[in-house]
Amino acid sequence: MMSGWGRMMGGWGNGYGYGGYGGYGMGMMGFFMPLIFGIAIILLAVYFFRRSKSRVQSQGFSTHNSALDILRERYARGEIDSAEFQSKKQDLESR
């Protein structure tokens, strides 16, 4: 009678582990969970790689603007005259 009670309770007591699925009681989840976990790790790695790559590219563009900003600051402080400012500005914009 005890073994019948075990079957009514979802397979407890039938010798196959939890749920009566055998092994660790996870059935197909025992196969898919590591696979899903591995895919999640790979997707996170790709996400962070692309995110860091876009930061490097955006910093690369800011250096061009900062050179023009430095040129404007030098002109504002009077370190260079108008002719030199215009020639260097054209040189920076042509790159």
Protein backbone atom coordinates (compact mmCIF):
# COMPACT_ATOMS: atom_id res chain seq x y z
CA MET A 1 0.00 0.00 0.00
CA MET A 2 2.90 2.33 0.62
CA SER A 3 4.16 1.99 -2.94
CA GLY A 4 0.70 2.86 -4.27
CA TRP A 5 0.63 5.98 -2.09
CA GLY A 6 4.02 6.95 -3.50
CA ARG A 7 2.75 6.77 -7.06
CA MET A 8 -0.24 8.91 -6.23
CA MET A 9 2.09 11.55 -4.82
CA GLY A 10 3.91 12.09 -8.11
CA GLY A 11 6.18 9.08 -8.10
CA TRP A 12 7.71 9.33 -4.63
CA GLY A 13 8.90 5.99 -3.40
CA ASN A 14 9.19 4.30 -6.77
CA GLY A 15 12.99 4.23 -6.70
CA TYR A 16 13.55 6.68 -9.54
CA GLY A 17 14.20 9.86 -7.55
CA TYR A 18 12.07 12.96 -7.44
CA GLY A 19 9.13 12.97 -9.79
CA GLY A 20 9.82 9.50 -11.11
CA TYR A 21 11.83 10.79 -14.06
CA GLY A 22 15.02 8.97 -13.14
CA GLY A 23 18.49 10.35 -12.67
CA TYR A 24 18.37 13.69 -10.93
CA GLY A 25 14.64 14.06 -11.43
CA MET A 26 15.01 16.77 -14.04
CA GLY A 27 14.32 14.72 -17.16
CA MET A 28 14.94 16.76 -20.30
CA MET A 29 15.64 19.84 -18.17
CA GLY A 30 18.82 18.11 -17.07
CA PHE A 31 19.96 18.36 -20.68
CA PHE A 32 18.58 21.77 -21.62
CA MET A 33 19.49 23.79 -18.53
CA PRO A 34 23.28 23.68 -19.12
CA LEU A 35 22.65 24.42 -22.79
CA ILE A 36 20.46 27.43 -21.99
CA PHE A 37 22.96 28.62 -19.39
CA GLY A 38 25.83 28.36 -21.89
CA ILE A 39 23.91 30.28 -24.55
CA ALA A 40 23.07 33.00 -22.01
CA ILE A 41 26.77 33.34 -21.11
CA ILE A 42 27.73 33.66 -24.78
CA LEU A 43 25.04 36.28 -25.43
CA LEU A 44 26.16 38.32 -22.44
CA ALA A 45 29.77 38.18 -23.62
CA VAL A 46 28.77 39.37 -27.11
CA TYR A 47 26.68 42.18 -25.60
CA PHE A 48 29.52 43.46 -23.42
CA PHE A 49 32.05 43.14 -26.25
CA ARG A 50 29.91 45.21 -28.62
CA ARG A 51 29.19 47.75 -25.89
CA SER A 52 32.89 48.24 -25.14
CA LYS A 53 33.68 48.41 -28.85
CA SER A 54 31.15 51.22 -29.38
CA ARG A 55 32.69 53.15 -26.48
CA VAL A 56 36.12 52.96 -28.10
CA GLN A 57 34.71 54.20 -31.40
CA SER A 58 32.83 57.06 -29.79
CA GLN A 59 35.97 58.12 -27.93
CA GLY A 60 37.81 58.09 -31.24
CA PHE A 61 35.36 60.62 -32.68
CA SER A 62 35.63 62.86 -29.64
CA THR A 63 39.40 63.27 -30.14
CA HIS A 64 38.76 64.95 -33.51
CA ASN A 65 36.34 67.39 -31.88
CA SER A 66 38.69 67.98 -28.97
CA ALA A 67 41.48 69.02 -31.36
CA LEU A 68 39.17 71.66 -32.81
CA ASP A 69 38.15 72.69 -29.29
CA ILE A 70 41.81 73.09 -28.30
CA LEU A 71 42.39 75.19 -31.41
CA ARG A 72 39.46 77.44 -30.48
CA GLU A 73 40.77 77.78 -26.93
CA ARG A 74 44.22 78.77 -28.20
CA TYR A 75 42.65 81.37 -30.47
CA ALA A 76 40.48 82.68 -27.61
CA ARG A 77 43.55 83.06 -25.36
CA GLY A 78 45.40 84.93 -28.08
CA GLU A 79 48.09 82.30 -28.58
CA ILE A 80 47.44 82.20 -32.34
CA ASP A 81 46.16 84.84 -34.74
CA SER A 82 43.14 84.67 -37.04
CA ALA A 83 45.08 83.54 -40.13
CA GLU A 84 46.76 80.68 -38.28
CA PHE A 85 43.43 79.69 -36.70
CA GLN A 86 41.69 79.56 -40.09
CA SER A 87 44.44 77.50 -41.75
CA LYS A 88 44.61 74.98 -38.91
CA LYS A 89 40.83 74.77 -38.76
CA GLN A 90 40.65 73.97 -42.49
CA ASP A 91 43.37 71.38 -42.03
CA LEU A 92 41.45 69.67 -39.21
CA GLU A 93 38.12 69.74 -41.06
CA SER A 94 39.64 68.25 -44.21
CA ARG A 95 40.74 65.09 -42.34
